[in-house]
Each structure stands twice: as structure tokens, then as C-alpha cells.
Amino acid sequence: MKIKYNAPVILTYSILSICVLMFFSNGLLTKYFSSPAQLSFSNPYFYLRLVSYIAGHGGWNHLIGNLMIILLVGPLLEEKYGSGKLLEMILITAISTALLNAFLFSNSLIGGSGIAFMLILLGSFSNIKSKEIPLTFIIIALLFIGSEVISTLKIDRISQFSHLAGGFVGAGYGFIRSGRR
């Protein structure tokens, strides 16, 4: 029996995130692996950081929490949609979340939480048929949005915005992709 690299996008993201946390100091994490705090289209690092922030994490607990979701749901979605489409969705989620965050707030994002929540809501579309919305999607969306709204009342360093943005992008992508069948 041999080991298969069965989900190249998800596995590469996971390995990259582990390496970033292992080998980069907090200063380098902040400089290269956090989203831009403001819109700065003339800065070349701005474009790198629109995507690279999803590979940086605040610590091992943050990384493990995200990877548990990403490695559980991601390979199934990569098999269903294909590596190219899943990579496209990850990039769209990362860039749109970073741009919206820089436009609306003055803080940086770090980590793949938005990607994890995009995958959760996208995964709830796995059995969607035309003109039908799965009840599982409605329940997941209500639980997800409700818990994130409640979490905004707590003072912590977690960006519920990135969770919600990722979830909405995943839900939107699921609706768009299901309409093309």
C-alpha cells in the first residue's frame, strides 16, 4: 500500500502553513504573512499579503484548529470541484476578505479561518439539486452566522469578519456552481 498525495491544493496549503509557523519569527509573520491593514496599491508587498496571510497563524492552536476543518472538508471538495476550481475559490476568498478588511477596518488578518469557513459552507452544497436548497445548508448557515455574531460581542483577537466573509464567499460560490449544472 502506498501513500497518495490525494488533495494537492489542500495538502500543499497545510504543509506551507506548518512551515511558515515553524520557520518564521513573529516579525516576519507580521511583515509577510498578515493581510494589509490599509489599501496601498503602489506597495508590491500589498499584493503578496492579499494572499500570504492565509498561511500565517498566531500559534499552534490557531493553526491546528484551522487545519482540522480544512483537512477534513477540503479533500472532499477538491475531489468534487477539482484542484483548479478549489484553488480559485481559496484565492478569491483570501483576496476579497483581505481587500474588504483593509477597506473597512484598520487591523490585519492572519490565518486561514476564512478559508476554513468557506469550505464548511461550500461543503454543505455537496448534494444540491436545481431549485432546491438543502436543509443542512440552512442549518449550518444559521449556526455559523449566529455563533459568529455572538462571538463579536467578546473581546478577543479573533476576526469574526474573516469567518463571515469566507463563509459568504463559499455560500455564494456554492450557489453559483450549483446553478451551472
C-alpha atoms as a PDB file:
ATOM      1  CA  MET A   1       0.000   0.000   0.000  1.00  0.00           C
ATOM      2  CA  LYS A   2       1.393   3.404  -0.930  1.00  0.00           C
ATOM      3  CA  ILE A   3       0.648   6.895   0.356  1.00  0.00           C
ATOM      4  CA  LYS A   4      -1.089   9.165  -2.155  1.00  0.00           C
ATOM      5  CA  TYR A   5      -0.908  12.971  -2.294  1.00  0.00           C
ATOM      6  CA  ASN A   6      -4.676  12.926  -2.793  1.00  0.00           C
ATOM      7  CA  ALA A   7      -5.581  16.607  -2.435  1.00  0.00           C
ATOM      8  CA  PRO A   8      -2.672  18.670  -3.762  1.00  0.00           C
ATOM      9  CA  VAL A   9      -4.160  22.122  -3.079  1.00  0.00           C
ATOM     10  CA  ILE A  10      -5.266  21.323   0.477  1.00  0.00           C
ATOM     11  CA  LEU A  11      -2.127  19.369   1.367  1.00  0.00           C
ATOM     12  CA  THR A  12       0.217  21.994  -0.104  1.00  0.00           C
ATOM     13  CA  TYR A  13      -1.607  24.754   1.792  1.00  0.00           C
ATOM     14  CA  SER A  14      -1.402  22.726   5.014  1.00  0.00           C
ATOM     15  CA  ILE A  15       2.308  21.961   4.654  1.00  0.00           C
ATOM     16  CA  LEU A  16       3.065  25.580   3.739  1.00  0.00           C
ATOM     17  CA  SER A  17       1.175  26.842   6.799  1.00  0.00           C
ATOM     18  CA  ILE A  18       3.060  24.451   9.092  1.00  0.00           C
ATOM     19  CA  CYS A  19       6.405  25.549   7.598  1.00  0.00           C
ATOM     20  CA  VAL A  20       5.546  29.248   7.953  1.00  0.00           C
ATOM     21  CA  LEU A  21       4.737  28.809  11.642  1.00  0.00           C
ATOM     22  CA  MET A  22       7.838  26.672  12.249  1.00  0.00           C
ATOM     23  CA  PHE A  23      10.390  28.821  10.437  1.00  0.00           C
ATOM     24  CA  PHE A  24       9.251  32.452  10.576  1.00  0.00           C
ATOM     25  CA  SER A  25       9.588  34.772  13.574  1.00  0.00           C
ATOM     26  CA  ASN A  26       6.732  36.995  14.737  1.00  0.00           C
ATOM     27  CA  GLY A  27       8.324  39.969  12.968  1.00  0.00           C
ATOM     28  CA  LEU A  28       8.477  38.170   9.629  1.00  0.00           C
ATOM     29  CA  LEU A  29       4.966  36.783  10.157  1.00  0.00           C
ATOM     30  CA  THR A  30       3.662  40.298  10.637  1.00  0.00           C
ATOM     31  CA  LYS A  31       5.600  41.674   7.659  1.00  0.00           C
ATOM     32  CA  TYR A  32       4.850  38.960   5.094  1.00  0.00           C
ATOM     33  CA  PHE A  33       2.029  36.760   6.452  1.00  0.00           C
ATOM     34  CA  SER A  34      -0.604  39.206   7.669  1.00  0.00           C
ATOM     35  CA  SER A  35      -3.135  40.951   5.480  1.00  0.00           C
ATOM     36  CA  PRO A  36      -2.641  44.613   4.590  1.00  0.00           C
ATOM     37  CA  ALA A  37      -4.133  46.963   7.198  1.00  0.00           C
ATOM     38  CA  GLN A  38      -4.864  49.609   4.564  1.00  0.00           C
ATOM     39  CA  LEU A  39      -5.236  49.818   0.823  1.00  0.00           C
ATOM     40  CA  SER A  40      -1.815  50.530  -0.699  1.00  0.00           C
ATOM     41  CA  PHE A  41      -1.842  49.612  -4.385  1.00  0.00           C
ATOM     42  CA  SER A  42       1.611  51.128  -5.008  1.00  0.00           C
ATOM     43  CA  ASN A  43       3.307  48.800  -2.496  1.00  0.00           C
ATOM     44  CA  PRO A  44       4.366  45.448  -4.064  1.00  0.00           C
ATOM     45  CA  TYR A  45       4.067  43.689  -0.682  1.00  0.00           C
ATOM     46  CA  PHE A  46       0.400  44.699  -0.624  1.00  0.00           C
ATOM     47  CA  TYR A  47      -0.347  42.206  -3.413  1.00  0.00           C
ATOM     48  CA  LEU A  48       1.675  39.410  -1.803  1.00  0.00           C
ATOM     49  CA  ARG A  49      -0.057  39.932   1.541  1.00  0.00           C
ATOM     50  CA  LEU A  50      -3.531  39.770  -0.045  1.00  0.00           C
ATOM     51  CA  VAL A  51      -2.950  36.010  -0.223  1.00  0.00           C
ATOM     52  CA  SER A  52       0.018  35.134   2.002  1.00  0.00           C
ATOM     53  CA  TYR A  53      -1.830  35.949   5.244  1.00  0.00           C
ATOM     54  CA  ILE A  54      -3.823  32.720   4.987  1.00  0.00           C
ATOM     55  CA  ALA A  55      -0.569  30.749   5.525  1.00  0.00           C
ATOM     56  CA  GLY A  56       0.403  32.634   8.690  1.00  0.00           C
ATOM     57  CA  HIS A  57      -1.138  31.731  12.043  1.00  0.00           C
ATOM     58  CA  GLY A  58      -0.982  33.182  15.527  1.00  0.00           C
ATOM     59  CA  GLY A  59       0.203  29.924  17.103  1.00  0.00           C
ATOM     60  CA  TRP A  60      -0.107  26.165  17.024  1.00  0.00           C
ATOM     61  CA  ASN A  61      -3.642  26.112  18.474  1.00  0.00           C
ATOM     62  CA  HIS A  62      -4.816  28.545  15.799  1.00  0.00           C
ATOM     63  CA  LEU A  63      -3.166  26.503  13.035  1.00  0.00           C
ATOM     64  CA  ILE A  64      -4.380  23.129  14.310  1.00  0.00           C
ATOM     65  CA  GLY A  65      -7.942  24.418  14.700  1.00  0.00           C
ATOM     66  CA  ASN A  66      -7.978  25.630  11.095  1.00  0.00           C
ATOM     67  CA  LEU A  67      -6.233  22.552   9.683  1.00  0.00           C
ATOM     68  CA  MET A  68      -8.661  20.174  11.379  1.00  0.00           C
ATOM     69  CA  ILE A  69     -11.509  21.775   9.422  1.00  0.00           C
ATOM     70  CA  ILE A  70      -9.534  22.294   6.209  1.00  0.00           C
ATOM     71  CA  LEU A  71      -8.112  18.754   6.129  1.00  0.00           C
ATOM     72  CA  LEU A  72     -11.489  17.223   6.964  1.00  0.00           C
ATOM     73  CA  VAL A  73     -13.630  19.075   4.418  1.00  0.00           C
ATOM     74  CA  GLY A  74     -11.069  20.241   1.838  1.00  0.00           C
ATOM     75  CA  PRO A  75     -10.108  16.920   0.196  1.00  0.00           C
ATOM     76  CA  LEU A  76     -13.766  16.037  -0.404  1.00  0.00           C
ATOM     77  CA  LEU A  77     -14.363  19.397  -2.076  1.00  0.00           C
ATOM     78  CA  GLU A  78     -11.124  19.178  -4.050  1.00  0.00           C
ATOM     79  CA  GLU A  79     -12.292  15.826  -5.398  1.00  0.00           C
ATOM     80  CA  LYS A  80     -15.742  17.227  -6.229  1.00  0.00           C
ATOM     81  CA  TYR A  81     -14.750  20.573  -7.801  1.00  0.00           C
ATOM     82  CA  GLY A  82     -11.195  19.797  -8.916  1.00  0.00           C
ATOM     83  CA  SER A  83      -7.911  21.285  -7.743  1.00  0.00           C
ATOM     84  CA  GLY A  84      -8.047  24.274 -10.098  1.00  0.00           C
ATOM     85  CA  LYS A  85     -11.541  25.381  -9.064  1.00  0.00           C
ATOM     86  CA  LEU A  86     -10.773  24.909  -5.370  1.00  0.00           C
ATOM     87  CA  LEU A  87      -7.550  26.915  -5.679  1.00  0.00           C
ATOM     88  CA  GLU A  88      -9.528  29.621  -7.494  1.00  0.00           C
ATOM     89  CA  MET A  89     -12.067  29.693  -4.652  1.00  0.00           C
ATOM     90  CA  ILE A  90      -9.354  29.891  -1.990  1.00  0.00           C
ATOM     91  CA  LEU A  91      -7.685  32.790  -3.815  1.00  0.00           C
ATOM     92  CA  ILE A  92     -10.986  34.623  -4.354  1.00  0.00           C
ATOM     93  CA  THR A  93     -11.850  34.182  -0.679  1.00  0.00           C
ATOM     94  CA  ALA A  94      -8.418  35.321   0.526  1.00  0.00           C
ATOM     95  CA  ILE A  95      -8.210  38.372  -1.746  1.00  0.00           C
ATOM     96  CA  SER A  96     -11.800  39.539  -1.269  1.00  0.00           C
ATOM     97  CA  THR A  97     -11.601  39.128   2.509  1.00  0.00           C
ATOM     98  CA  ALA A  98      -8.263  40.994   2.713  1.00  0.00           C
ATOM     99  CA  LEU A  99      -9.493  43.840   0.492  1.00  0.00           C
ATOM    100  CA  LEU A 100     -12.754  44.233   2.401  1.00  0.00           C
ATOM    101  CA  ASN A 101     -10.907  44.115   5.716  1.00  0.00           C
ATOM    102  CA  ALA A 102      -8.407  46.782   4.595  1.00  0.00           C
ATOM    103  CA  PHE A 103     -11.247  48.950   3.316  1.00  0.00           C
ATOM    104  CA  LEU A 104     -13.487  48.605   6.391  1.00  0.00           C
ATOM    105  CA  PHE A 105     -11.060  48.146   9.296  1.00  0.00           C
ATOM    106  CA  SER A 106      -7.572  49.235  10.335  1.00  0.00           C
ATOM    107  CA  ASN A 107      -6.289  45.873  11.546  1.00  0.00           C
ATOM    108  CA  SER A 108      -4.557  42.994   9.783  1.00  0.00           C
ATOM    109  CA  LEU A 109      -5.808  39.444   9.424  1.00  0.00           C
ATOM    110  CA  ILE A 110      -3.710  36.327   9.909  1.00  0.00           C
ATOM    111  CA  GLY A 111      -4.597  32.695   9.315  1.00  0.00           C
ATOM    112  CA  GLY A 112      -6.849  30.508   7.216  1.00  0.00           C
ATOM    113  CA  SER A 113     -10.061  30.805   9.234  1.00  0.00           C
ATOM    114  CA  GLY A 114     -11.895  32.426   6.338  1.00  0.00           C
ATOM    115  CA  ILE A 115     -10.804  29.549   4.111  1.00  0.00           C
ATOM    116  CA  ALA A 116     -11.995  27.006   6.683  1.00  0.00           C
ATOM    117  CA  PHE A 117     -15.431  28.603   6.902  1.00  0.00           C
ATOM    118  CA  MET A 118     -15.634  28.954   3.112  1.00  0.00           C
ATOM    119  CA  LEU A 119     -15.029  25.197   2.873  1.00  0.00           C
ATOM    120  CA  ILE A 120     -17.656  24.456   5.550  1.00  0.00           C
ATOM    121  CA  LEU A 121     -20.409  26.331   3.732  1.00  0.00           C
ATOM    122  CA  LEU A 122     -19.276  25.174   0.295  1.00  0.00           C
ATOM    123  CA  GLY A 123     -19.353  21.602   1.605  1.00  0.00           C
ATOM    124  CA  SER A 124     -22.974  21.914   2.601  1.00  0.00           C
ATOM    125  CA  PHE A 125     -23.801  22.204  -1.116  1.00  0.00           C
ATOM    126  CA  SER A 126     -22.463  18.755  -1.932  1.00  0.00           C
ATOM    127  CA  ASN A 127     -25.887  17.311  -2.768  1.00  0.00           C
ATOM    128  CA  ILE A 128     -27.667  20.392  -4.075  1.00  0.00           C
ATOM    129  CA  LYS A 129     -30.136  19.967  -6.907  1.00  0.00           C
ATOM    130  CA  SER A 130     -31.538  22.725  -9.102  1.00  0.00           C
ATOM    131  CA  LYS A 131     -34.183  24.894  -7.452  1.00  0.00           C
ATOM    132  CA  GLU A 132     -33.661  23.201  -4.069  1.00  0.00           C
ATOM    133  CA  ILE A 133     -31.768  24.485  -1.054  1.00  0.00           C
ATOM    134  CA  PRO A 134     -30.556  21.718   1.261  1.00  0.00           C
ATOM    135  CA  LEU A 135     -31.901  21.989   4.804  1.00  0.00           C
ATOM    136  CA  THR A 136     -28.392  21.125   6.019  1.00  0.00           C
ATOM    137  CA  PHE A 137     -27.127  24.313   4.359  1.00  0.00           C
ATOM    138  CA  ILE A 138     -29.782  26.417   6.107  1.00  0.00           C
ATOM    139  CA  ILE A 139     -28.975  24.877   9.499  1.00  0.00           C
ATOM    140  CA  ILE A 140     -25.208  25.226   9.029  1.00  0.00           C
ATOM    141  CA  ALA A 141     -25.598  28.824   7.832  1.00  0.00           C
ATOM    142  CA  LEU A 142     -27.804  29.740  10.809  1.00  0.00           C
ATOM    143  CA  LEU A 143     -25.467  28.073  13.316  1.00  0.00           C
ATOM    144  CA  PHE A 144     -22.403  29.578  11.661  1.00  0.00           C
ATOM    145  CA  ILE A 145     -23.744  33.125  11.346  1.00  0.00           C
ATOM    146  CA  GLY A 146     -25.326  33.010  14.798  1.00  0.00           C
ATOM    147  CA  SER A 147     -22.154  31.848  16.518  1.00  0.00           C
ATOM    148  CA  GLU A 148     -20.047  34.467  14.692  1.00  0.00           C
ATOM    149  CA  VAL A 149     -22.455  37.281  15.567  1.00  0.00           C
ATOM    150  CA  ILE A 150     -22.438  36.199  19.221  1.00  0.00           C
ATOM    151  CA  SER A 151     -18.633  35.958  19.118  1.00  0.00           C
ATOM    152  CA  THR A 152     -18.378  39.593  18.011  1.00  0.00           C
ATOM    153  CA  LEU A 153     -19.623  40.552  21.477  1.00  0.00           C
ATOM    154  CA  LYS A 154     -16.498  39.049  23.073  1.00  0.00           C
ATOM    155  CA  ILE A 155     -13.266  40.977  23.217  1.00  0.00           C
ATOM    156  CA  ASP A 156     -10.635  38.742  21.661  1.00  0.00           C
ATOM    157  CA  ARG A 157      -8.104  38.802  18.861  1.00  0.00           C
ATOM    158  CA  ILE A 158     -10.207  36.670  16.515  1.00  0.00           C
ATOM    159  CA  SER A 159     -11.579  38.277  13.368  1.00  0.00           C
ATOM    160  CA  GLN A 160     -15.159  37.113  13.054  1.00  0.00           C
ATOM    161  CA  PHE A 161     -15.229  39.268   9.913  1.00  0.00           C
ATOM    162  CA  SER A 162     -12.869  36.872   8.115  1.00  0.00           C
ATOM    163  CA  HIS A 163     -15.005  33.917   9.192  1.00  0.00           C
ATOM    164  CA  LEU A 164     -18.179  35.562   7.923  1.00  0.00           C
ATOM    165  CA  ALA A 165     -16.567  36.794   4.700  1.00  0.00           C
ATOM    166  CA  GLY A 166     -15.161  33.341   3.962  1.00  0.00           C
ATOM    167  CA  GLY A 167     -18.496  31.737   4.720  1.00  0.00           C
ATOM    168  CA  PHE A 168     -20.389  34.132   2.461  1.00  0.00           C
ATOM    169  CA  VAL A 169     -17.919  33.630  -0.392  1.00  0.00           C
ATOM    170  CA  GLY A 170     -18.232  29.839  -0.011  1.00  0.00           C
ATOM    171  CA  ALA A 171     -22.018  30.033   0.077  1.00  0.00           C
ATOM    172  CA  GLY A 172     -22.073  32.321  -2.949  1.00  0.00           C
ATOM    173  CA  TYR A 173     -19.732  30.055  -4.865  1.00  0.00           C
ATOM    174  CA  GLY A 174     -21.874  27.050  -3.990  1.00  0.00           C
ATOM    175  CA  PHE A 175     -24.996  28.806  -5.308  1.00  0.00           C
ATOM    176  CA  ILE A 176     -23.224  29.911  -8.496  1.00  0.00           C
ATOM    177  CA  ARG A 177     -21.683  26.478  -9.179  1.00  0.00           C
ATOM    178  CA  SER A 178     -24.973  24.658  -8.481  1.00  0.00           C
ATOM    179  CA  GLY A 179     -26.785  26.919 -10.953  1.00  0.00           C
ATOM    180  CA  ARG A 180     -24.394  25.917 -13.769  1.00  0.00           C
ATOM    181  CA  ARG A 181     -25.311  22.234 -13.679  1.00  0.00           C
END
